[in-house]
Amino acid sequence: MHTSRPDQLSRSRPPVMRRSGARPAAVLMLIGDSPDGPDILLIERAPDLRSHAGQPAFPGGATDLGDASPVATALREAQEEVGLDPAGVQVLAAGPALYLPPSHFLVTPVLAWWHTPCPVAPVDTSETSAVARVPVAELADPANRVLVHHARTGHVGPAFRTRGMFIWGFTGGLLDALLRMGGWERPWLPAEQVKAPTPTATGTTEGSRASELGGDSE
């Protein structure tokens, strides 16, 4: 993660000419252990949010003035969103900042080990509707993997169907990279290609409960 290039983690490389004015942000890719093996902490955004409503994502958000680093941003956001105790987390590495054109964010993924898990749940249900620890085995299962096509950009990227969630876009791309770089990826033939969920009048997405900080595009 620490030495990876942006194109190894996301299709969204941060071109120099587009860095100007981009708002820094960070997400926490938190790996824990459970009876089902290693798992990943994900949240689901509240269905009534103005943007990215009802979408699954890593805990995270925009950098505050008081944040000393992307790591500090990721841990603070996770504490505010799900009640995570930072003392139970060992940060392993921070990846390169990834530029997200739709939201004009520069997002740094922070990889961490949850050595002392604590209870987690939505702190503010107006922002976060659900929290899930998703086993890596479920994400790696070829039966839960598809390709998603985004009509507006023409981009085709990895997506996951698990536990009632449809995870794609920026979050899906990071999960795909994590499985590959962590040695968890299983051979799969993504014969099924689906359309990216589209916003409804209420801001939620059709065809799923979900998708994510990066939204409908990488």
C-alpha atoms as a PDB file:
ATOM      1  CA  MET A   1       0.000   0.000   0.000  1.00  0.00           C
ATOM      2  CA  HIS A   2       2.728   2.443   1.015  1.00  0.00           C
ATOM      3  CA  THR A   3       4.696   2.012  -2.234  1.00  0.00           C
ATOM      4  CA  SER A   4       1.776   1.498  -4.609  1.00  0.00           C
ATOM      5  CA  ARG A   5       1.015   3.808  -7.518  1.00  0.00           C
ATOM      6  CA  PRO A   6      -2.377   5.505  -7.863  1.00  0.00           C
ATOM      7  CA  ASP A   7      -3.187   3.457 -10.961  1.00  0.00           C
ATOM      8  CA  GLN A   8      -2.729   0.266  -8.917  1.00  0.00           C
ATOM      9  CA  LEU A   9      -5.472   1.348  -6.506  1.00  0.00           C
ATOM     10  CA  SER A  10      -7.900   3.309  -8.644  1.00  0.00           C
ATOM     11  CA  ARG A  11      -8.584   4.367 -12.203  1.00  0.00           C
ATOM     12  CA  SER A  12      -8.600   7.926 -10.855  1.00  0.00           C
ATOM     13  CA  ARG A  13      -5.037   9.092 -11.153  1.00  0.00           C
ATOM     14  CA  PRO A  14      -4.552  12.580  -9.700  1.00  0.00           C
ATOM     15  CA  PRO A  15      -3.348  14.664 -12.688  1.00  0.00           C
ATOM     16  CA  VAL A  16      -1.253  17.631 -11.586  1.00  0.00           C
ATOM     17  CA  MET A  17      -3.457  20.142 -13.368  1.00  0.00           C
ATOM     18  CA  ARG A  18      -6.464  18.928 -11.415  1.00  0.00           C
ATOM     19  CA  ARG A  19      -4.908  18.909  -7.945  1.00  0.00           C
ATOM     20  CA  SER A  20      -5.369  22.654  -7.534  1.00  0.00           C
ATOM     21  CA  GLY A  21      -8.213  23.328  -5.139  1.00  0.00           C
ATOM     22  CA  ALA A  22      -8.997  19.647  -4.568  1.00  0.00           C
ATOM     23  CA  ARG A  23     -10.091  19.036  -0.999  1.00  0.00           C
ATOM     24  CA  PRO A  24      -8.029  16.474   0.951  1.00  0.00           C
ATOM     25  CA  ALA A  25      -9.836  13.525   2.518  1.00  0.00           C
ATOM     26  CA  ALA A  26      -9.065  10.047   3.817  1.00  0.00           C
ATOM     27  CA  VAL A  27     -10.780   6.682   4.241  1.00  0.00           C
ATOM     28  CA  LEU A  28      -9.976   3.898   6.700  1.00  0.00           C
ATOM     29  CA  MET A  29      -9.506   0.404   5.249  1.00  0.00           C
ATOM     30  CA  LEU A  30      -9.746  -1.461   8.551  1.00  0.00           C
ATOM     31  CA  ILE A  31      -9.003  -5.185   8.631  1.00  0.00           C
ATOM     32  CA  GLY A  32     -10.139  -7.178  11.641  1.00  0.00           C
ATOM     33  CA  ASP A  33     -10.429 -10.824  12.594  1.00  0.00           C
ATOM     34  CA  SER A  34     -13.598 -12.796  13.244  1.00  0.00           C
ATOM     35  CA  PRO A  35     -14.801 -16.414  13.422  1.00  0.00           C
ATOM     36  CA  ASP A  36     -15.235 -16.154   9.635  1.00  0.00           C
ATOM     37  CA  GLY A  37     -11.632 -15.039   9.127  1.00  0.00           C
ATOM     38  CA  PRO A  38     -10.366 -11.564   8.264  1.00  0.00           C
ATOM     39  CA  ASP A  39     -13.017  -8.945   7.612  1.00  0.00           C
ATOM     40  CA  ILE A  40     -13.359  -5.349   6.426  1.00  0.00           C
ATOM     41  CA  LEU A  41     -15.304  -2.580   8.155  1.00  0.00           C
ATOM     42  CA  LEU A  42     -17.818  -0.837   5.895  1.00  0.00           C
ATOM     43  CA  ILE A  43     -20.547   1.703   6.515  1.00  0.00           C
ATOM     44  CA  GLU A  44     -23.735   2.490   4.634  1.00  0.00           C
ATOM     45  CA  ARG A  45     -24.585   6.143   4.187  1.00  0.00           C
ATOM     46  CA  ALA A  46     -28.011   7.375   5.265  1.00  0.00           C
ATOM     47  CA  PRO A  47     -30.669   7.268   2.533  1.00  0.00           C
ATOM     48  CA  ASP A  48     -31.589  10.950   2.844  1.00  0.00           C
ATOM     49  CA  LEU A  49     -28.152  12.488   2.347  1.00  0.00           C
ATOM     50  CA  ARG A  50     -27.795  15.079  -0.393  1.00  0.00           C
ATOM     51  CA  SER A  51     -25.007  13.117  -2.092  1.00  0.00           C
ATOM     52  CA  HIS A  52     -23.990   9.434  -2.174  1.00  0.00           C
ATOM     53  CA  ALA A  53     -27.179   8.528  -0.317  1.00  0.00           C
ATOM     54  CA  GLY A  54     -27.613   4.900   0.700  1.00  0.00           C
ATOM     55  CA  GLN A  55     -24.172   3.952  -0.546  1.00  0.00           C
ATOM     56  CA  PRO A  56     -21.681   1.592   1.165  1.00  0.00           C
ATOM     57  CA  ALA A  57     -18.233   3.002   1.828  1.00  0.00           C
ATOM     58  CA  PHE A  58     -15.196   2.870   4.027  1.00  0.00           C
ATOM     59  CA  PRO A  59     -15.392   5.123   7.083  1.00  0.00           C
ATOM     60  CA  GLY A  60     -13.854   8.454   6.167  1.00  0.00           C
ATOM     61  CA  GLY A  61     -14.386  11.979   4.982  1.00  0.00           C
ATOM     62  CA  ALA A  62     -12.886  15.389   4.414  1.00  0.00           C
ATOM     63  CA  THR A  63      -9.835  16.613   6.306  1.00  0.00           C
ATOM     64  CA  ASP A  64     -10.433  19.124   9.107  1.00  0.00           C
ATOM     65  CA  LEU A  65      -8.039  21.948   9.913  1.00  0.00           C
ATOM     66  CA  GLY A  66      -7.023  20.215  13.146  1.00  0.00           C
ATOM     67  CA  ASP A  67      -6.046  16.936  11.446  1.00  0.00           C
ATOM     68  CA  ALA A  68      -2.282  16.445  11.466  1.00  0.00           C
ATOM     69  CA  SER A  69      -2.258  13.875   8.655  1.00  0.00           C
ATOM     70  CA  PRO A  70      -4.478  11.662   6.478  1.00  0.00           C
ATOM     71  CA  VAL A  71      -4.158   9.003   9.181  1.00  0.00           C
ATOM     72  CA  ALA A  72      -5.586  11.434  11.730  1.00  0.00           C
ATOM     73  CA  THR A  73      -8.453  12.238   9.362  1.00  0.00           C
ATOM     74  CA  ALA A  74      -9.312   8.589   8.771  1.00  0.00           C
ATOM     75  CA  LEU A  75      -9.271   7.687  12.471  1.00  0.00           C
ATOM     76  CA  ARG A  76     -11.245  10.779  13.509  1.00  0.00           C
ATOM     77  CA  GLU A  77     -13.908  10.166  10.885  1.00  0.00           C
ATOM     78  CA  ALA A  78     -14.246   6.504  11.885  1.00  0.00           C
ATOM     79  CA  GLN A  79     -14.622   7.521  15.528  1.00  0.00           C
ATOM     80  CA  GLU A  80     -17.281  10.103  14.639  1.00  0.00           C
ATOM     81  CA  GLU A  81     -19.185   7.806  12.271  1.00  0.00           C
ATOM     82  CA  VAL A  82     -19.179   4.446  14.062  1.00  0.00           C
ATOM     83  CA  GLY A  83     -17.623   5.000  17.501  1.00  0.00           C
ATOM     84  CA  LEU A  84     -14.316   3.312  16.662  1.00  0.00           C
ATOM     85  CA  ASP A  85     -11.710   3.431  19.450  1.00  0.00           C
ATOM     86  CA  PRO A  86      -8.434   4.514  17.758  1.00  0.00           C
ATOM     87  CA  ALA A  87      -6.452   2.897  20.582  1.00  0.00           C
ATOM     88  CA  GLY A  88      -7.468  -0.508  19.222  1.00  0.00           C
ATOM     89  CA  VAL A  89      -6.109   0.224  15.748  1.00  0.00           C
ATOM     90  CA  GLN A  90      -2.602  -0.225  14.357  1.00  0.00           C
ATOM     91  CA  VAL A  91      -2.042   1.829  11.222  1.00  0.00           C
ATOM     92  CA  LEU A  92      -0.052  -0.173   8.670  1.00  0.00           C
ATOM     93  CA  ALA A  93       0.324   2.197   5.728  1.00  0.00           C
ATOM     94  CA  ALA A  94      -1.149   5.143   3.891  1.00  0.00           C
ATOM     95  CA  GLY A  95      -1.462   4.906   0.146  1.00  0.00           C
ATOM     96  CA  PRO A  96      -1.134   7.624  -2.476  1.00  0.00           C
ATOM     97  CA  ALA A  97      -3.826  10.298  -2.648  1.00  0.00           C
ATOM     98  CA  LEU A  98      -6.420   9.465  -5.308  1.00  0.00           C
ATOM     99  CA  TYR A  99      -8.235  12.190  -7.192  1.00  0.00           C
ATOM    100  CA  LEU A 100     -12.020  11.836  -7.494  1.00  0.00           C
ATOM    101  CA  PRO A 101     -13.296  14.095 -10.283  1.00  0.00           C
ATOM    102  CA  PRO A 102     -17.027  14.038  -9.368  1.00  0.00           C
ATOM    103  CA  SER A 103     -16.442  15.396  -5.857  1.00  0.00           C
ATOM    104  CA  HIS A 104     -13.048  17.107  -6.433  1.00  0.00           C
ATOM    105  CA  PHE A 105     -11.525  15.268  -3.475  1.00  0.00           C
ATOM    106  CA  LEU A 106      -8.000  13.930  -3.066  1.00  0.00           C
ATOM    107  CA  VAL A 107      -8.599  10.817  -0.978  1.00  0.00           C
ATOM    108  CA  THR A 108      -5.832   8.985   0.874  1.00  0.00           C
ATOM    109  CA  PRO A 109      -6.606   5.339   1.705  1.00  0.00           C
ATOM    110  CA  VAL A 110      -5.284   4.347   5.131  1.00  0.00           C
ATOM    111  CA  LEU A 111      -4.746   0.633   5.746  1.00  0.00           C
ATOM    112  CA  ALA A 112      -4.970  -0.517   9.379  1.00  0.00           C
ATOM    113  CA  TRP A 113      -5.213  -3.620  11.583  1.00  0.00           C
ATOM    114  CA  TRP A 114      -7.977  -3.785  14.184  1.00  0.00           C
ATOM    115  CA  HIS A 115      -6.043  -5.633  16.875  1.00  0.00           C
ATOM    116  CA  THR A 116      -8.548  -4.848  19.649  1.00  0.00           C
ATOM    117  CA  PRO A 117     -12.057  -4.657  18.181  1.00  0.00           C
ATOM    118  CA  CYS A 118     -14.721  -2.647  19.958  1.00  0.00           C
ATOM    119  CA  PRO A 119     -18.481  -2.446  19.412  1.00  0.00           C
ATOM    120  CA  VAL A 120     -19.314  -0.194  16.463  1.00  0.00           C
ATOM    121  CA  ALA A 121     -22.627   1.239  15.298  1.00  0.00           C
ATOM    122  CA  PRO A 122     -23.911   4.381  13.562  1.00  0.00           C
ATOM    123  CA  VAL A 123     -23.243   7.389  15.796  1.00  0.00           C
ATOM    124  CA  ASP A 124     -25.511   9.711  13.829  1.00  0.00           C
ATOM    125  CA  THR A 125     -28.212   7.847  11.891  1.00  0.00           C
ATOM    126  CA  SER A 126     -28.877  10.946   9.804  1.00  0.00           C
ATOM    127  CA  GLU A 127     -25.458  10.378   8.242  1.00  0.00           C
ATOM    128  CA  THR A 128     -24.759   6.646   8.643  1.00  0.00           C
ATOM    129  CA  SER A 129     -27.543   4.092   8.444  1.00  0.00           C
ATOM    130  CA  ALA A 130     -25.622   0.852   9.024  1.00  0.00           C
ATOM    131  CA  VAL A 131     -22.225  -0.636   9.874  1.00  0.00           C
ATOM    132  CA  ALA A 132     -21.005  -4.026   8.677  1.00  0.00           C
ATOM    133  CA  ARG A 133     -17.953  -6.197   9.136  1.00  0.00           C
ATOM    134  CA  VAL A 134     -17.776  -8.020   5.810  1.00  0.00           C
ATOM    135  CA  PRO A 135     -15.631 -11.184   5.679  1.00  0.00           C
ATOM    136  CA  VAL A 136     -12.864 -11.085   3.088  1.00  0.00           C
ATOM    137  CA  ALA A 137     -13.962 -14.573   2.011  1.00  0.00           C
ATOM    138  CA  GLU A 138     -17.342 -13.173   0.921  1.00  0.00           C
ATOM    139  CA  LEU A 139     -15.708 -10.415  -1.101  1.00  0.00           C
ATOM    140  CA  ALA A 140     -13.295 -12.867  -2.720  1.00  0.00           C
ATOM    141  CA  ASP A 141     -16.040 -15.348  -3.617  1.00  0.00           C
ATOM    142  CA  PRO A 142     -16.437 -15.222  -7.423  1.00  0.00           C
ATOM    143  CA  ALA A 143     -20.198 -15.662  -6.950  1.00  0.00           C
ATOM    144  CA  ASN A 144     -20.345 -12.240  -5.284  1.00  0.00           C
ATOM    145  CA  ARG A 145     -18.337 -10.380  -7.930  1.00  0.00           C
ATOM    146  CA  VAL A 146     -19.610  -8.625 -11.050  1.00  0.00           C
ATOM    147  CA  LEU A 147     -18.533  -5.878 -13.412  1.00  0.00           C
ATOM    148  CA  VAL A 148     -20.442  -2.604 -13.328  1.00  0.00           C
ATOM    149  CA  HIS A 149     -20.816  -0.288 -16.320  1.00  0.00           C
ATOM    150  CA  HIS A 150     -21.193   3.444 -15.762  1.00  0.00           C
ATOM    151  CA  ALA A 151     -23.189   4.826 -18.681  1.00  0.00           C
ATOM    152  CA  ARG A 152     -22.048   8.444 -18.354  1.00  0.00           C
ATOM    153  CA  THR A 153     -18.313   7.747 -18.366  1.00  0.00           C
ATOM    154  CA  GLY A 154     -18.263   4.374 -20.113  1.00  0.00           C
ATOM    155  CA  HIS A 155     -16.083   3.018 -17.317  1.00  0.00           C
ATOM    156  CA  VAL A 156     -16.326  -0.680 -16.433  1.00  0.00           C
ATOM    157  CA  GLY A 157     -15.058  -1.610 -12.978  1.00  0.00           C
ATOM    158  CA  PRO A 158     -15.267  -4.231 -10.238  1.00  0.00           C
ATOM    159  CA  ALA A 159     -18.279  -4.517  -7.971  1.00  0.00           C
ATOM    160  CA  PHE A 160     -19.422  -6.763  -5.137  1.00  0.00           C
ATOM    161  CA  ARG A 161     -22.826  -8.059  -4.061  1.00  0.00           C
ATOM    162  CA  THR A 162     -22.898  -9.109  -0.439  1.00  0.00           C
ATOM    163  CA  ARG A 163     -25.115  -8.758   2.631  1.00  0.00           C
ATOM    164  CA  GLY A 164     -27.717  -6.740   0.759  1.00  0.00           C
ATOM    165  CA  MET A 165     -25.129  -4.221  -0.442  1.00  0.00           C
ATOM    166  CA  PHE A 166     -23.930  -3.404  -3.931  1.00  0.00           C
ATOM    167  CA  ILE A 167     -20.384  -2.040  -3.594  1.00  0.00           C
ATOM    168  CA  TRP A 168     -18.846  -0.386  -6.641  1.00  0.00           C
ATOM    169  CA  GLY A 169     -17.077   2.800  -7.796  1.00  0.00           C
ATOM    170  CA  PHE A 170     -14.225   4.074  -5.632  1.00  0.00           C
ATOM    171  CA  THR A 171     -14.914   1.679  -2.742  1.00  0.00           C
ATOM    172  CA  GLY A 172     -15.271  -1.294  -5.079  1.00  0.00           C
ATOM    173  CA  GLY A 173     -11.997  -0.421  -6.765  1.00  0.00           C
ATOM    174  CA  LEU A 174     -10.132  -0.206  -3.461  1.00  0.00           C
ATOM    175  CA  LEU A 175     -11.579  -3.521  -2.290  1.00  0.00           C
ATOM    176  CA  ASP A 176     -10.552  -5.138  -5.564  1.00  0.00           C
ATOM    177  CA  ALA A 177      -7.010  -3.801  -5.120  1.00  0.00           C
ATOM    178  CA  LEU A 178      -6.912  -4.954  -1.484  1.00  0.00           C
ATOM    179  CA  LEU A 179      -7.895  -8.508  -2.438  1.00  0.00           C
ATOM    180  CA  ARG A 180      -5.278  -8.568  -5.178  1.00  0.00           C
ATOM    181  CA  MET A 181      -2.435  -7.031  -3.155  1.00  0.00           C
ATOM    182  CA  GLY A 182      -3.272  -9.061  -0.041  1.00  0.00           C
ATOM    183  CA  GLY A 183      -3.180 -12.374  -1.897  1.00  0.00           C
ATOM    184  CA  TRP A 184      -6.881 -13.029  -1.215  1.00  0.00           C
ATOM    185  CA  GLU A 185      -8.163 -12.764  -4.788  1.00  0.00           C
ATOM    186  CA  ARG A 186      -9.644 -15.915  -6.300  1.00  0.00           C
ATOM    187  CA  PRO A 187      -9.848 -16.635 -10.021  1.00  0.00           C
ATOM    188  CA  TRP A 188     -13.166 -15.384 -11.365  1.00  0.00           C
ATOM    189  CA  LEU A 189     -14.842 -14.958 -14.715  1.00  0.00           C
ATOM    190  CA  PRO A 190     -16.939 -11.787 -14.503  1.00  0.00           C
ATOM    191  CA  ALA A 191     -19.405 -12.861 -17.134  1.00  0.00           C
ATOM    192  CA  GLU A 192     -22.146 -10.704 -15.659  1.00  0.00           C
ATOM    193  CA  GLN A 193     -22.010  -6.986 -16.370  1.00  0.00           C
ATOM    194  CA  VAL A 194     -24.574  -4.717 -14.740  1.00  0.00           C
ATOM    195  CA  LYS A 195     -25.447  -1.054 -15.049  1.00  0.00           C
ATOM    196  CA  ALA A 196     -24.360   1.345 -12.362  1.00  0.00           C
ATOM    197  CA  PRO A 197     -27.174   2.257  -9.945  1.00  0.00           C
ATOM    198  CA  THR A 198     -28.849   5.554 -10.758  1.00  0.00           C
ATOM    199  CA  PRO A 199     -30.142   8.087  -8.223  1.00  0.00           C
ATOM    200  CA  THR A 200     -33.869   8.111  -7.575  1.00  0.00           C
ATOM    201  CA  ALA A 201     -35.962  11.153  -6.710  1.00  0.00           C
ATOM    202  CA  THR A 202     -35.230  10.620  -3.010  1.00  0.00           C
ATOM    203  CA  GLY A 203     -31.482  10.387  -3.521  1.00  0.00           C
ATOM    204  CA  THR A 204     -31.208   6.624  -2.990  1.00  0.00           C
ATOM    205  CA  THR A 205     -30.157   4.273  -5.770  1.00  0.00           C
ATOM    206  CA  GLU A 206     -32.235   1.937  -7.845  1.00  0.00           C
ATOM    207  CA  GLY A 207     -31.355  -1.724  -7.991  1.00  0.00           C
ATOM    208  CA  SER A 208     -29.517  -1.838  -4.687  1.00  0.00           C
ATOM    209  CA  ARG A 209     -29.364  -0.509  -1.155  1.00  0.00           C
ATOM    210  CA  ALA A 210     -25.964   0.790  -2.005  1.00  0.00           C
ATOM    211  CA  SER A 211     -22.624   2.178  -3.660  1.00  0.00           C
ATOM    212  CA  GLU A 212     -20.137   5.299  -1.608  1.00  0.00           C
ATOM    213  CA  LEU A 213     -16.981   9.208  -0.627  1.00  0.00           C
ATOM    214  CA  GLY A 214     -16.292   8.656  -4.381  1.00  0.00           C
ATOM    215  CA  GLY A 215     -19.897   8.184  -5.487  1.00  0.00           C
ATOM    216  CA  ASP A 216     -20.944   6.851  -8.859  1.00  0.00           C
ATOM    217  CA  SER A 217     -17.563   7.132 -10.523  1.00  0.00           C
ATOM    218  CA  GLU A 218     -13.907   6.604  -9.814  1.00  0.00           C
END
